[in-house]
Amino acid sequence: MTKEKWLDTIFNLKQKFSVLEEREEELPDNVPGMREVVVFGLPNLGKVKLEWTKKAKLRGEKTLYSGRVGSFVKVDKVYDEHEFVSYLKAYLWDVNKSDWQEVEMEKTFSF
């Protein structure tokens, strides 16, 4: 999903439903990129969380190791500074588990 499509989607949802929370956050584990999170209150579904993530594309992994006994192995991930990937995830609030449950988009929606 592109940034423009994400902004259009959020704009349309804000017109129809109440926004409970909206924030931007950095990605964990020093991955270059950011995540936008918006939580809506929907009449029939309850709370729905949408996450749009844009991060640098993974080019590969660099492994550093030694053949000595007891030595360590270090894996460095190499990211492309110019190429990014973005994707959308949706979650529903499960009242029984008091936790977010991810919606499987491929099984739920047809694009």
PDB file of N, CA and C in Angstrom:
ATOM      1  N   MET A   1       0.849  -1.169   0.000  1.00  0.00           N
ATOM      2  CA  MET A   1       0.000   0.000   0.000  1.00  0.00           C
ATOM      3  C   MET A   1       0.898   1.236   0.000  1.00  0.00           C
ATOM      4  N   THR A   2       0.559   2.192  -0.834  1.00  0.00           N
ATOM      5  CA  THR A   2       1.339   3.421  -0.924  1.00  0.00           C
ATOM      6  C   THR A   2       0.932   4.400   0.175  1.00  0.00           C
ATOM      7  N   LYS A   3       1.766   5.388   0.417  1.00  0.00           N
ATOM      8  CA  LYS A   3       1.482   6.407   1.425  1.00  0.00           C
ATOM      9  C   LYS A   3       0.206   7.170   1.081  1.00  0.00           C
ATOM     10  N   GLU A   4      -0.003   7.492  -0.201  1.00  0.00           N
ATOM     11  CA  GLU A   4      -1.195   8.227  -0.612  1.00  0.00           C
ATOM     12  C   GLU A   4      -2.465   7.411  -0.342  1.00  0.00           C
ATOM     13  N   LYS A   5      -2.413   6.125  -0.667  1.00  0.00           N
ATOM     14  CA  LYS A   5      -3.564   5.245  -0.434  1.00  0.00           C
ATOM     15  C   LYS A   5      -3.851   5.128   1.064  1.00  0.00           C
ATOM     16  N   TRP A   6      -2.792   5.034   1.870  1.00  0.00           N
ATOM     17  CA  TRP A   6      -2.951   4.969   3.319  1.00  0.00           C
ATOM     18  C   TRP A   6      -3.614   6.244   3.846  1.00  0.00           C
ATOM     19  N   LEU A   7      -3.148   7.415   3.397  1.00  0.00           N
ATOM     20  CA  LEU A   7      -3.728   8.679   3.851  1.00  0.00           C
ATOM     21  C   LEU A   7      -5.180   8.812   3.425  1.00  0.00           C
ATOM     22  N   ASP A   8      -5.522   8.377   2.211  1.00  0.00           N
ATOM     23  CA  ASP A   8      -6.919   8.399   1.760  1.00  0.00           C
ATOM     24  C   ASP A   8      -7.791   7.489   2.627  1.00  0.00           C
ATOM     25  N   THR A   9      -7.277   6.306   2.935  1.00  0.00           N
ATOM     26  CA  THR A   9      -8.028   5.354   3.757  1.00  0.00           C
ATOM     27  C   THR A   9      -8.288   5.931   5.141  1.00  0.00           C
ATOM     28  N   ILE A  10      -7.260   6.495   5.760  1.00  0.00           N
ATOM     29  CA  ILE A  10      -7.410   7.067   7.098  1.00  0.00           C
ATOM     30  C   ILE A  10      -8.357   8.263   7.071  1.00  0.00           C
ATOM     31  N   PHE A  11      -8.264   9.092   6.047  1.00  0.00           N
ATOM     32  CA  PHE A  11      -9.162  10.247   5.926  1.00  0.00           C
ATOM     33  C   PHE A  11     -10.616   9.785   5.857  1.00  0.00           C
ATOM     34  N   ASN A  12     -10.892   8.775   5.032  1.00  0.00           N
ATOM     35  CA  ASN A  12     -12.256   8.264   4.896  1.00  0.00           C
ATOM     36  C   ASN A  12     -12.755   7.638   6.189  1.00  0.00           C
ATOM     37  N   LEU A  13     -11.900   6.908   6.883  1.00  0.00           N
ATOM     38  CA  LEU A  13     -12.314   6.299   8.141  1.00  0.00           C
ATOM     39  C   LEU A  13     -12.576   7.351   9.220  1.00  0.00           C
ATOM     40  N   LYS A  14     -11.779   8.412   9.225  1.00  0.00           N
ATOM     41  CA  LYS A  14     -11.985   9.488  10.206  1.00  0.00           C
ATOM     42  C   LYS A  14     -13.312  10.212   9.982  1.00  0.00           C
ATOM     43  N   GLN A  15     -13.761  10.264   8.721  1.00  0.00           N
ATOM     44  CA  GLN A  15     -15.038  10.911   8.423  1.00  0.00           C
ATOM     45  C   GLN A  15     -16.219  10.099   8.973  1.00  0.00           C
ATOM     46  N   LYS A  16     -16.062   8.766   9.037  1.00  0.00           N
ATOM     47  CA  LYS A  16     -17.178   7.892   9.391  1.00  0.00           C
ATOM     48  C   LYS A  16     -17.146   7.366  10.823  1.00  0.00           C
ATOM     49  N   PHE A  17     -15.958   7.215  11.403  1.00  0.00           N
ATOM     50  CA  PHE A  17     -15.838   6.565  12.703  1.00  0.00           C
ATOM     51  C   PHE A  17     -14.987   7.395  13.651  1.00  0.00           C
ATOM     52  N   SER A  18     -15.078   7.067  14.936  1.00  0.00           N
ATOM     53  CA  SER A  18     -14.310   7.807  15.937  1.00  0.00           C
ATOM     54  C   SER A  18     -12.905   7.226  16.075  1.00  0.00           C
ATOM     55  N   VAL A  19     -11.916   8.121  16.128  1.00  0.00           N
ATOM     56  CA  VAL A  19     -10.526   7.724  16.309  1.00  0.00           C
ATOM     57  C   VAL A  19     -10.243   7.692  17.809  1.00  0.00           C
ATOM     58  N   LEU A  20      -9.803   6.530  18.297  1.00  0.00           N
ATOM     59  CA  LEU A  20      -9.486   6.377  19.706  1.00  0.00           C
ATOM     60  C   LEU A  20      -8.023   6.664  20.007  1.00  0.00           C
ATOM     61  N   GLU A  21      -7.163   6.393  19.033  1.00  0.00           N
ATOM     62  CA  GLU A  21      -5.727   6.588  19.231  1.00  0.00           C
ATOM     63  C   GLU A  21      -5.055   6.727  17.866  1.00  0.00           C
ATOM     64  N   GLU A  22      -4.032   7.580  17.826  1.00  0.00           N
ATOM     65  CA  GLU A  22      -3.265   7.768  16.589  1.00  0.00           C
ATOM     66  C   GLU A  22      -1.841   8.108  16.981  1.00  0.00           C
ATOM     67  N   ARG A  23      -0.860   7.351  16.421  1.00  0.00           N
ATOM     68  CA  ARG A  23       0.529   7.594  16.780  1.00  0.00           C
ATOM     69  C   ARG A  23       1.470   7.103  15.678  1.00  0.00           C
ATOM     70  N   GLU A  24       2.706   7.603  15.723  1.00  0.00           N
ATOM     71  CA  GLU A  24       3.796   7.133  14.877  1.00  0.00           C
ATOM     72  C   GLU A  24       4.871   6.594  15.798  1.00  0.00           C
ATOM     73  N   GLU A  25       5.536   5.520  15.367  1.00  0.00           N
ATOM     74  CA  GLU A  25       6.599   4.953  16.180  1.00  0.00           C
ATOM     75  C   GLU A  25       7.697   4.402  15.288  1.00  0.00           C
ATOM     76  N   GLU A  26       8.891   4.332  15.862  1.00  0.00           N
ATOM     77  CA  GLU A  26      10.005   3.744  15.136  1.00  0.00           C
ATOM     78  C   GLU A  26       9.919   2.228  15.244  1.00  0.00           C
ATOM     79  N   LEU A  27      10.549   1.551  14.306  1.00  0.00           N
ATOM     80  CA  LEU A  27      10.530   0.097  14.297  1.00  0.00           C
ATOM     81  C   LEU A  27      11.556  -0.449  15.286  1.00  0.00           C
ATOM     82  N   PRO A  28      11.279  -1.610  15.885  1.00  0.00           N
ATOM     83  CA  PRO A  28      12.221  -2.198  16.840  1.00  0.00           C
ATOM     84  C   PRO A  28      13.455  -2.781  16.150  1.00  0.00           C
ATOM     85  N   ASP A  29      14.444  -3.125  16.928  1.00  0.00           N
ATOM     86  CA  ASP A  29      15.665  -3.816  16.482  1.00  0.00           C
ATOM     87  C   ASP A  29      16.469  -3.017  15.462  1.00  0.00           C
ATOM     88  N   ASN A  30      16.454  -1.687  15.575  1.00  0.00           N
ATOM     89  CA  ASN A  30      17.251  -0.811  14.704  1.00  0.00           C
ATOM     90  C   ASN A  30      16.974  -1.000  13.213  1.00  0.00           C
ATOM     91  N   VAL A  31      15.749  -1.358  12.875  1.00  0.00           N
ATOM     92  CA  VAL A  31      15.346  -1.461  11.472  1.00  0.00           C
ATOM     93  C   VAL A  31      14.982  -0.057  11.000  1.00  0.00           C
ATOM     94  N   PRO A  32      15.587   0.432   9.907  1.00  0.00           N
ATOM     95  CA  PRO A  32      15.241   1.767   9.425  1.00  0.00           C
ATOM     96  C   PRO A  32      13.805   1.799   8.890  1.00  0.00           C
ATOM     97  N   GLY A  33      13.019   2.715   9.408  1.00  0.00           N
ATOM     98  CA  GLY A  33      11.644   2.850   8.955  1.00  0.00           C
ATOM     99  C   GLY A  33      10.757   3.372  10.065  1.00  0.00           C
ATOM    100  N   MET A  34       9.465   3.370   9.814  1.00  0.00           N
ATOM    101  CA  MET A  34       8.501   3.848  10.794  1.00  0.00           C
ATOM    102  C   MET A  34       7.176   3.138  10.632  1.00  0.00           C
ATOM    103  N   ARG A  35       6.348   3.232  11.677  1.00  0.00           N
ATOM    104  CA  ARG A  35       5.038   2.600  11.687  1.00  0.00           C
ATOM    105  C   ARG A  35       4.010   3.635  12.151  1.00  0.00           C
ATOM    106  N   GLU A  36       2.905   3.727  11.424  1.00  0.00           N
ATOM    107  CA  GLU A  36       1.787   4.579  11.824  1.00  0.00           C
ATOM    108  C   GLU A  36       0.670   3.672  12.315  1.00  0.00           C
ATOM    109  N   VAL A  37       0.127   4.003  13.492  1.00  0.00           N
ATOM    110  CA  VAL A  37      -0.913   3.190  14.115  1.00  0.00           C
ATOM    111  C   VAL A  37      -2.136   4.064  14.341  1.00  0.00           C
ATOM    112  N   VAL A  38      -3.307   3.558  13.921  1.00  0.00           N
ATOM    113  CA  VAL A  38      -4.575   4.253  14.147  1.00  0.00           C
ATOM    114  C   VAL A  38      -5.566   3.228  14.696  1.00  0.00           C
ATOM    115  N   VAL A  39      -6.217   3.586  15.814  1.00  0.00           N
ATOM    116  CA  VAL A  39      -7.212   2.715  16.436  1.00  0.00           C
ATOM    117  C   VAL A  39      -8.571   3.396  16.300  1.00  0.00           C
ATOM    118  N   PHE A  40      -9.530   2.654  15.755  1.00  0.00           N
ATOM    119  CA  PHE A  40     -10.890   3.149  15.537  1.00  0.00           C
ATOM    120  C   PHE A  40     -11.872   2.364  16.388  1.00  0.00           C
ATOM    121  N   GLY A  41     -12.983   3.016  16.695  1.00  0.00           N
ATOM    122  CA  GLY A  41     -14.104   2.329  17.320  1.00  0.00           C
ATOM    123  C   GLY A  41     -15.174   2.114  16.269  1.00  0.00           C
ATOM    124  N   LEU A  42     -15.456   0.858  15.916  1.00  0.00           N
ATOM    125  CA  LEU A  42     -16.471   0.534  14.918  1.00  0.00           C
ATOM    126  C   LEU A  42     -17.695  -0.049  15.612  1.00  0.00           C
ATOM    127  N   PRO A  43     -18.888   0.297  15.138  1.00  0.00           N
ATOM    128  CA  PRO A  43     -20.118  -0.130  15.813  1.00  0.00           C
ATOM    129  C   PRO A  43     -20.279  -1.648  15.946  1.00  0.00           C
ATOM    130  N   ASN A  44     -20.038  -2.402  14.893  1.00  0.00           N
ATOM    131  CA  ASN A  44     -20.295  -3.846  14.937  1.00  0.00           C
ATOM    132  C   ASN A  44     -19.080  -4.669  15.355  1.00  0.00           C
ATOM    133  N   LEU A  45     -17.872  -4.130  15.150  1.00  0.00           N
ATOM    134  CA  LEU A  45     -16.656  -4.902  15.397  1.00  0.00           C
ATOM    135  C   LEU A  45     -15.945  -4.536  16.692  1.00  0.00           C
ATOM    136  N   GLY A  46     -16.243  -3.402  17.278  1.00  0.00           N
ATOM    137  CA  GLY A  46     -15.514  -2.946  18.458  1.00  0.00           C
ATOM    138  C   GLY A  46     -14.287  -2.157  18.022  1.00  0.00           C
ATOM    139  N   LYS A  47     -13.174  -2.368  18.730  1.00  0.00           N
ATOM    140  CA  LYS A  47     -11.951  -1.637  18.413  1.00  0.00           C
ATOM    141  C   LYS A  47     -11.185  -2.340  17.294  1.00  0.00           C
ATOM    142  N   VAL A  48     -10.730  -1.539  16.329  1.00  0.00           N
ATOM    143  CA  VAL A  48      -9.928  -2.037  15.208  1.00  0.00           C
ATOM    144  C   VAL A  48      -8.659  -1.208  15.144  1.00  0.00           C
ATOM    145  N   LYS A  49      -7.524  -1.892  15.016  1.00  0.00           N
ATOM    146  CA  LYS A  49      -6.232  -1.204  14.909  1.00  0.00           C
ATOM    147  C   LYS A  49      -5.663  -1.461  13.523  1.00  0.00           C
ATOM    148  N   LEU A  50      -5.266  -0.376  12.839  1.00  0.00           N
ATOM    149  CA  LEU A  50      -4.599  -0.463  11.540  1.00  0.00           C
ATOM    150  C   LEU A  50      -3.166   0.008  11.714  1.00  0.00           C
ATOM    151  N   GLU A  51      -2.220  -0.783  11.186  1.00  0.00           N
ATOM    152  CA  GLU A  51      -0.812  -0.426  11.228  1.00  0.00           C
ATOM    153  C   GLU A  51      -0.275  -0.361   9.801  1.00  0.00           C
ATOM    154  N   TRP A  52       0.252   0.804   9.423  1.00  0.00           N
ATOM    155  CA  TRP A  52       0.918   0.943   8.127  1.00  0.00           C
ATOM    156  C   TRP A  52       2.400   1.082   8.407  1.00  0.00           C
ATOM    157  N   THR A  53       3.180   0.150   7.869  1.00  0.00           N
ATOM    158  CA  THR A  53       4.617   0.102   8.133  1.00  0.00           C
ATOM    159  C   THR A  53       5.385   0.358   6.851  1.00  0.00           C
ATOM    160  N   LYS A  54       6.378   1.236   6.943  1.00  0.00           N
ATOM    161  CA  LYS A  54       7.290   1.486   5.825  1.00  0.00           C
ATOM    162  C   LYS A  54       8.695   1.259   6.363  1.00  0.00           C
ATOM    163  N   LYS A  55       9.408   0.299   5.748  1.00  0.00           N
ATOM    164  CA  LYS A  55      10.756   0.007   6.222  1.00  0.00           C
ATOM    165  C   LYS A  55      11.688  -0.234   5.045  1.00  0.00           C
ATOM    166  N   ALA A  56      12.972  -0.109   5.322  1.00  0.00           N
ATOM    167  CA  ALA A  56      13.985  -0.321   4.297  1.00  0.00           C
ATOM    168  C   ALA A  56      13.997  -1.786   3.885  1.00  0.00           C
ATOM    169  N   LYS A  57      14.217  -2.019   2.612  1.00  0.00           N
ATOM    170  CA  LYS A  57      14.237  -3.382   2.086  1.00  0.00           C
ATOM    171  C   LYS A  57      15.500  -4.101   2.554  1.00  0.00           C
ATOM    172  N   LEU A  58      15.327  -5.340   2.993  1.00  0.00           N
ATOM    173  CA  LEU A  58      16.442  -6.156   3.451  1.00  0.00           C
ATOM    174  C   LEU A  58      17.218  -6.668   2.242  1.00  0.00           C
ATOM    175  N   ARG A  59      18.507  -6.306   2.155  1.00  0.00           N
ATOM    176  CA  ARG A  59      19.342  -6.755   1.041  1.00  0.00           C
ATOM    177  C   ARG A  59      20.004  -8.090   1.328  1.00  0.00           C
ATOM    178  N   GLY A  60      20.273  -8.369   2.583  1.00  0.00           N
ATOM    179  CA  GLY A  60      20.925  -9.626   2.920  1.00  0.00           C
ATOM    180  C   GLY A  60      21.419  -9.614   4.353  1.00  0.00           C
ATOM    181  N   GLU A  61      22.109 -10.678   4.716  1.00  0.00           N
ATOM    182  CA  GLU A  61      22.660 -10.803   6.051  1.00  0.00           C
ATOM    183  C   GLU A  61      24.156 -11.073   5.949  1.00  0.00           C
ATOM    184  N   LYS A  62      24.887 -10.481   6.859  1.00  0.00           N
ATOM    185  CA  LYS A  62      26.327 -10.669   6.918  1.00  0.00           C
ATOM    186  C   LYS A  62      26.625 -11.436   8.206  1.00  0.00           C
ATOM    187  N   THR A  63      27.253 -12.604   8.093  1.00  0.00           N
ATOM    188  CA  THR A  63      27.529 -13.441   9.246  1.00  0.00           C
ATOM    189  C   THR A  63      29.012 -13.363   9.595  1.00  0.00           C
ATOM    190  N   LEU A  64      29.277 -13.049  10.853  1.00  0.00           N
ATOM    191  CA  LEU A  64      30.644 -12.994  11.360  1.00  0.00           C
ATOM    192  C   LEU A  64      30.816 -14.123  12.372  1.00  0.00           C
ATOM    193  N   TYR A  65      31.815 -14.964  12.156  1.00  0.00           N
ATOM    194  CA  TYR A  65      32.028 -16.081  13.069  1.00  0.00           C
ATOM    195  C   TYR A  65      33.486 -16.497  13.032  1.00  0.00           C
ATOM    196  N   SER A  66      33.837 -17.335  13.989  1.00  0.00           N
ATOM    197  CA  SER A  66      35.183 -17.885  14.067  1.00  0.00           C
ATOM    198  C   SER A  66      35.061 -19.387  14.240  1.00  0.00           C
ATOM    199  N   GLY A  67      36.047 -20.138  13.789  1.00  0.00           N
ATOM    200  CA  GLY A  67      35.994 -21.591  13.895  1.00  0.00           C
ATOM    201  C   GLY A  67      36.465 -22.115  15.240  1.00  0.00           C
ATOM    202  N   ARG A  68      36.818 -21.214  16.150  1.00  0.00           N
ATOM    203  CA  ARG A  68      37.314 -21.647  17.451  1.00  0.00           C
ATOM    204  C   ARG A  68      36.172 -22.112  18.345  1.00  0.00           C
ATOM    205  N   VAL A  69      36.476 -23.018  19.237  1.00  0.00           N
ATOM    206  CA  VAL A  69      35.486 -23.523  20.191  1.00  0.00           C
ATOM    207  C   VAL A  69      35.123 -22.397  21.157  1.00  0.00           C
ATOM    208  N   GLY A  70      33.839 -22.235  21.388  1.00  0.00           N
ATOM    209  CA  GLY A  70      33.371 -21.226  22.335  1.00  0.00           C
ATOM    210  C   GLY A  70      33.261 -19.832  21.755  1.00  0.00           C
ATOM    211  N   SER A  71      33.535 -19.682  20.479  1.00  0.00           N
ATOM    212  CA  SER A  71      33.432 -18.356  19.891  1.00  0.00           C
ATOM    213  C   SER A  71      31.973 -18.033  19.584  1.00  0.00           C
ATOM    214  N   PHE A  72      31.717 -16.790  19.301  1.00  0.00           N
ATOM    215  CA  PHE A  72      30.344 -16.336  19.058  1.00  0.00           C
ATOM    216  C   PHE A  72      30.079 -16.175  17.564  1.00  0.00           C
ATOM    217  N   VAL A  73      28.795 -16.096  17.248  1.00  0.00           N
ATOM    218  CA  VAL A  73      28.358 -15.830  15.872  1.00  0.00           C
ATOM    219  C   VAL A  73      27.528 -14.555  15.913  1.00  0.00           C
ATOM    220  N   LYS A  74      27.804 -13.661  14.998  1.00  0.00           N
ATOM    221  CA  LYS A  74      27.051 -12.409  14.925  1.00  0.00           C
ATOM    222  C   LYS A  74      26.470 -12.281  13.523  1.00  0.00           C
ATOM    223  N   VAL A  75      25.180 -11.977  13.452  1.00  0.00           N
ATOM    224  CA  VAL A  75      24.503 -11.800  12.169  1.00  0.00           C
ATOM    225  C   VAL A  75      24.076 -10.340  12.064  1.00  0.00           C
ATOM    226  N   ASP A  76      24.611  -9.631  11.083  1.00  0.00           N
ATOM    227  CA  ASP A  76      24.235  -8.243  10.808  1.00  0.00           C
ATOM    228  C   ASP A  76      23.331  -8.222   9.590  1.00  0.00           C
ATOM    229  N   LYS A  77      22.189  -7.568   9.722  1.00  0.00           N
ATOM    230  CA  LYS A  77      21.281  -7.422   8.593  1.00  0.00           C
ATOM    231  C   LYS A  77      21.650  -6.159   7.831  1.00  0.00           C
ATOM    232  N   VAL A  78      21.695  -6.269   6.506  1.00  0.00           N
ATOM    233  CA  VAL A  78      22.070  -5.153   5.641  1.00  0.00           C
ATOM    234  C   VAL A  78      20.806  -4.661   4.936  1.00  0.00           C
ATOM    235  N   TYR A  79      20.480  -3.375   5.136  1.00  0.00           N
ATOM    236  CA  TYR A  79      19.279  -2.782   4.549  1.00  0.00           C
ATOM    237  C   TYR A  79      19.658  -1.822   3.429  1.00  0.00           C
ATOM    238  N   ASP A  80      18.798  -1.734   2.433  1.00  0.00           N
ATOM    239  CA  ASP A  80      18.967  -0.802   1.320  1.00  0.00           C
ATOM    240  C   ASP A  80      18.497   0.578   1.781  1.00  0.00           C
ATOM    241  N   GLU A  81      19.333   1.585   1.610  1.00  0.00           N
ATOM    242  CA  GLU A  81      18.991   2.931   2.059  1.00  0.00           C
ATOM    243  C   GLU A  81      18.027   3.658   1.121  1.00  0.00           C
ATOM    244  N   HIS A  82      17.886   3.164  -0.104  1.00  0.00           N
ATOM    245  CA  HIS A  82      17.092   3.879  -1.101  1.00  0.00           C
ATOM    246  C   HIS A  82      15.796   3.175  -1.477  1.00  0.00           C
ATOM    247  N   GLU A  83      15.665   1.910  -1.137  1.00  0.00           N
ATOM    248  CA  GLU A  83      14.475   1.155  -1.522  1.00  0.00           C
ATOM    249  C   GLU A  83      13.708   0.753  -0.267  1.00  0.00           C
ATOM    250  N   PHE A  84      12.391   1.025  -0.280  1.00  0.00           N
ATOM    251  CA  PHE A  84      11.561   0.750   0.876  1.00  0.00           C
ATOM    252  C   PHE A  84      10.398  -0.158   0.486  1.00  0.00           C
ATOM    253  N   VAL A  85       9.891  -0.886   1.470  1.00  0.00           N
ATOM    254  CA  VAL A  85       8.683  -1.686   1.298  1.00  0.00           C
ATOM    255  C   VAL A  85       7.673  -1.192   2.329  1.00  0.00           C
ATOM    256  N   SER A  86       6.400  -1.271   1.979  1.00  0.00           N
ATOM    257  CA  SER A  86       5.354  -0.857   2.913  1.00  0.00           C
ATOM    258  C   SER A  86       4.222  -1.880   2.863  1.00  0.00           C
ATOM    259  N   TYR A  87       3.565  -2.032   4.015  1.00  0.00           N
ATOM    260  CA  TYR A  87       2.469  -2.986   4.097  1.00  0.00           C
ATOM    261  C   TYR A  87       1.509  -2.561   5.206  1.00  0.00           C
ATOM    262  N   LEU A  88       0.327  -3.132   5.160  1.00  0.00           N
ATOM    263  CA  LEU A  88      -0.745  -2.816   6.093  1.00  0.00           C
ATOM    264  C   LEU A  88      -1.120  -4.061   6.869  1.00  0.00           C
ATOM    265  N   LYS A  89      -1.322  -3.900   8.170  1.00  0.00           N
ATOM    266  CA  LYS A  89      -1.829  -4.976   9.015  1.00  0.00           C
ATOM    267  C   LYS A  89      -3.042  -4.443   9.769  1.00  0.00           C
ATOM    268  N   ALA A  90      -4.025  -5.323   9.986  1.00  0.00           N
ATOM    269  CA  ALA A  90      -5.226  -4.957  10.732  1.00  0.00           C
ATOM    270  C   ALA A  90      -5.389  -5.912  11.912  1.00  0.00           C
ATOM    271  N   TYR A  91      -5.863  -5.360  13.026  1.00  0.00           N
ATOM    272  CA  TYR A  91      -6.062  -6.138  14.238  1.00  0.00           C
ATOM    273  C   TYR A  91      -7.442  -5.833  14.816  1.00  0.00           C
ATOM    274  N   LEU A  92      -8.065  -6.843  15.409  1.00  0.00           N
ATOM    275  CA  LEU A  92      -9.322  -6.681  16.144  1.00  0.00           C
ATOM    276  C   LEU A  92      -9.057  -6.921  17.622  1.00  0.00           C
ATOM    277  N   TRP A  93      -9.713  -6.143  18.475  1.00  0.00           N
ATOM    278  CA  TRP A  93      -9.553  -6.311  19.909  1.00  0.00           C
ATOM    279  C   TRP A  93     -10.399  -7.496  20.374  1.00  0.00           C
ATOM    280  N   ASP A  94      -9.745  -8.470  21.007  1.00  0.00           N
ATOM    281  CA  ASP A  94     -10.429  -9.640  21.550  1.00  0.00           C
ATOM    282  C   ASP A  94     -10.683  -9.383  23.030  1.00  0.00           C
ATOM    283  N   VAL A  95     -11.946  -9.206  23.380  1.00  0.00           N
ATOM    284  CA  VAL A  95     -12.319  -8.881  24.750  1.00  0.00           C
ATOM    285  C   VAL A  95     -11.988 -10.034  25.692  1.00  0.00           C
ATOM    286  N   ASN A  96     -12.194 -11.269  25.250  1.00  0.00           N
ATOM    287  CA  ASN A  96     -11.947 -12.431  26.105  1.00  0.00           C
ATOM    288  C   ASN A  96     -10.470 -12.580  26.456  1.00  0.00           C
ATOM    289  N   LYS A  97      -9.579 -12.328  25.496  1.00  0.00           N
ATOM    290  CA  LYS A  97      -8.139 -12.480  25.719  1.00  0.00           C
ATOM    291  C   LYS A  97      -7.473 -11.167  26.134  1.00  0.00           C
ATOM    292  N   SER A  98      -8.191 -10.059  26.050  1.00  0.00           N
ATOM    293  CA  SER A  98      -7.653  -8.721  26.325  1.00  0.00           C
ATOM    294  C   SER A  98      -6.368  -8.472  25.538  1.00  0.00           C
ATOM    295  N   ASP A  99      -6.441  -8.775  24.241  1.00  0.00           N
ATOM    296  CA  ASP A  99      -5.277  -8.621  23.381  1.00  0.00           C
ATOM    297  C   ASP A  99      -5.737  -8.410  21.943  1.00  0.00           C
ATOM    298  N   TRP A 100      -4.841  -7.877  21.113  1.00  0.00           N
ATOM    299  CA  TRP A 100      -5.121  -7.680  19.694  1.00  0.00           C
ATOM    300  C   TRP A 100      -4.924  -8.988  18.949  1.00  0.00           C
ATOM    301  N   GLN A 101      -5.867  -9.322  18.065  1.00  0.00           N
ATOM    302  CA  GLN A 101      -5.767 -10.504  17.213  1.00  0.00           C
ATOM    303  C   GLN A 101      -5.662 -10.036  15.763  1.00  0.00           C
ATOM    304  N   GLU A 102      -4.623 -10.503  15.068  1.00  0.00           N
ATOM    305  CA  GLU A 102      -4.396 -10.062  13.692  1.00  0.00           C
ATOM    306  C   GLU A 102      -5.454 -10.629  12.755  1.00  0.00           C
ATOM    307  N   VAL A 103      -5.944  -9.782  11.871  1.00  0.00           N
ATOM    308  CA  VAL A 103      -6.906 -10.187  10.852  1.00  0.00           C
ATOM    309  C   VAL A 103      -6.117 -10.706   9.658  1.00  0.00           C
ATOM    310  N   GLU A 104      -6.430 -11.901   9.198  1.00  0.00           N
ATOM    311  CA  GLU A 104      -5.763 -12.452   8.028  1.00  0.00           C
ATOM    312  C   GLU A 104      -6.401 -11.841   6.795  1.00  0.00           C
ATOM    313  N   MET A 105      -5.717 -10.856   6.224  1.00  0.00           N
ATOM    314  CA  MET A 105      -6.281 -10.057   5.143  1.00  0.00           C
ATOM    315  C   MET A 105      -6.591 -10.877   3.912  1.00  0.00           C
ATOM    316  N   GLU A 106      -5.723 -11.852   3.573  1.00  0.00           N
ATOM    317  CA  GLU A 106      -5.934 -12.632   2.367  1.00  0.00           C
ATOM    318  C   GLU A 106      -7.221 -13.470   2.445  1.00  0.00           C
ATOM    319  N   LYS A 107      -7.559 -13.936   3.645  1.00  0.00           N
ATOM    320  CA  LYS A 107      -8.747 -14.762   3.801  1.00  0.00           C
ATOM    321  C   LYS A 107     -10.017 -13.919   4.005  1.00  0.00           C
ATOM    322  N   THR A 108      -9.836 -12.680   4.486  1.00  0.00           N
ATOM    323  CA  THR A 108     -10.980 -11.852   4.827  1.00  0.00           C
ATOM    324  C   THR A 108     -11.413 -10.949   3.680  1.00  0.00           C
ATOM    325  N   PHE A 109     -10.443 -10.355   2.987  1.00  0.00           N
ATOM    326  CA  PHE A 109     -10.749  -9.381   1.945  1.00  0.00           C
ATOM    327  C   PHE A 109     -10.278  -9.873   0.598  1.00  0.00           C
ATOM    328  N   SER A 110     -10.988  -9.500  -0.446  1.00  0.00           N
ATOM    329  CA  SER A 110     -10.520  -9.788  -1.799  1.00  0.00           C
ATOM    330  C   SER A 110     -10.262  -8.466  -2.486  1.00  0.00           C
ATOM    331  N   PHE A 111      -9.064  -8.282  -2.977  1.00  0.00           N
ATOM    332  CA  PHE A 111      -8.686  -7.028  -3.625  1.00  0.00           C
ATOM    333  C   PHE A 111      -8.726  -7.173  -5.118  1.00  0.00           C
TER     334      PHE A 111
END
